[in-house]
Amino acid sequence: MPDNPPDFTQLGYYFALAQVGLEMVAPVVLGVLCDHYFGWAPWTTIAGAVVGLVGGLTHLVAISKWRQNTAPPRSRREQQ
């Protein structure tokens, strides 16, 4: 049995980061599929890349701000 119990807040943070990665990739894949089936190449792939980049970075900034505001204060020993 492990000495330390798992930290579920840390696990939730990692899942949120994985979600950001999926948010960046999914619009590109959707754009590629639309290009293939409808013959709109390369416009929906480009649009999907832009939407994925903007959406993913926006979510990443929001997560980092939330993480910074909810992080426990560091002790003086850790700051040095």
Protein backbone atom coordinates (compact mmCIF):
# COMPACT_ATOMS: atom_id res chain seq x y z
CA MET A 1 0.00 0.00 0.00
CA PRO A 2 1.45 3.41 -0.90
CA ASP A 3 2.51 5.74 1.90
CA ASN A 4 0.91 8.82 0.34
CA PRO A 5 -2.66 8.82 -0.95
CA PRO A 6 -3.11 10.08 -4.52
CA ASP A 7 -3.68 13.79 -4.98
CA PHE A 8 -6.89 14.05 -6.98
CA THR A 9 -6.53 17.79 -7.60
CA GLN A 10 -3.22 17.10 -9.34
CA LEU A 11 -4.86 14.36 -11.38
CA GLY A 12 -7.67 16.73 -12.38
CA TYR A 13 -5.08 19.27 -13.52
CA TYR A 14 -3.45 16.68 -15.77
CA PHE A 15 -6.81 15.70 -17.23
CA ALA A 16 -7.52 19.37 -17.97
CA LEU A 17 -4.20 19.63 -19.81
CA ALA A 18 -5.06 16.53 -21.85
CA GLN A 19 -8.39 18.13 -22.72
CA VAL A 20 -6.56 21.21 -24.02
CA GLY A 21 -4.53 18.97 -26.31
CA LEU A 22 -7.68 17.35 -27.66
CA GLU A 23 -9.28 20.77 -28.15
CA MET A 24 -6.33 21.75 -30.32
CA VAL A 25 -6.34 18.59 -32.43
CA ALA A 26 -10.06 17.90 -32.89
CA PRO A 27 -10.86 20.96 -35.08
CA VAL A 28 -7.96 20.15 -37.39
CA VAL A 29 -9.13 16.55 -37.81
CA LEU A 30 -12.67 17.76 -38.45
CA GLY A 31 -11.31 20.19 -41.06
CA VAL A 32 -9.36 17.44 -42.80
CA LEU A 33 -12.44 15.22 -42.91
CA CYS A 34 -14.57 18.03 -44.34
CA ASP A 35 -11.88 18.76 -46.94
CA HIS A 36 -11.82 15.13 -47.95
CA TYR A 37 -15.57 14.58 -48.19
CA PHE A 38 -16.67 17.95 -49.58
CA GLY A 39 -13.61 18.91 -51.61
CA TRP A 40 -13.04 22.22 -49.83
CA ALA A 41 -9.28 21.69 -49.51
CA PRO A 42 -7.40 23.32 -47.79
CA TRP A 43 -9.77 25.91 -46.31
CA THR A 44 -11.50 23.97 -43.56
CA THR A 45 -8.19 22.49 -42.43
CA ILE A 46 -6.77 26.00 -42.10
CA ALA A 47 -9.90 27.20 -40.31
CA GLY A 48 -9.76 24.18 -37.98
CA ALA A 49 -6.12 24.89 -37.18
CA VAL A 50 -6.90 28.51 -36.32
CA VAL A 51 -9.94 27.59 -34.22
CA GLY A 52 -7.99 24.84 -32.42
CA LEU A 53 -5.03 27.09 -31.71
CA VAL A 54 -7.10 30.01 -30.41
CA GLY A 55 -9.46 27.80 -28.39
CA GLY A 56 -6.70 25.66 -26.92
CA LEU A 57 -4.50 28.60 -25.95
CA THR A 58 -7.46 30.42 -24.40
CA HIS A 59 -8.29 27.37 -22.32
CA LEU A 60 -4.62 26.91 -21.39
CA VAL A 61 -4.38 30.49 -20.14
CA ALA A 62 -7.59 30.05 -18.14
CA ILE A 63 -6.26 26.86 -16.56
CA SER A 64 -2.94 28.48 -15.66
CA LYS A 65 -4.70 31.46 -14.05
CA TRP A 66 -6.96 29.12 -12.08
CA ARG A 67 -3.96 27.04 -11.01
CA GLN A 68 -2.07 30.14 -9.91
CA ASN A 69 -5.02 31.40 -7.85
CA THR A 70 -5.72 28.06 -6.17
CA ALA A 71 -2.13 26.99 -5.48
CA PRO A 72 -1.31 26.76 -1.79
CA PRO A 73 1.11 29.44 -0.59
CA ARG A 74 4.71 28.33 -0.57
CA SER A 75 6.69 28.31 2.64
CA ARG A 76 9.68 30.60 3.11
CA ARG A 77 12.05 27.65 2.75
CA GLU A 78 10.62 26.76 -0.69
CA GLN A 79 10.92 30.37 -1.88
CA GLN A 80 14.67 30.52 -1.23
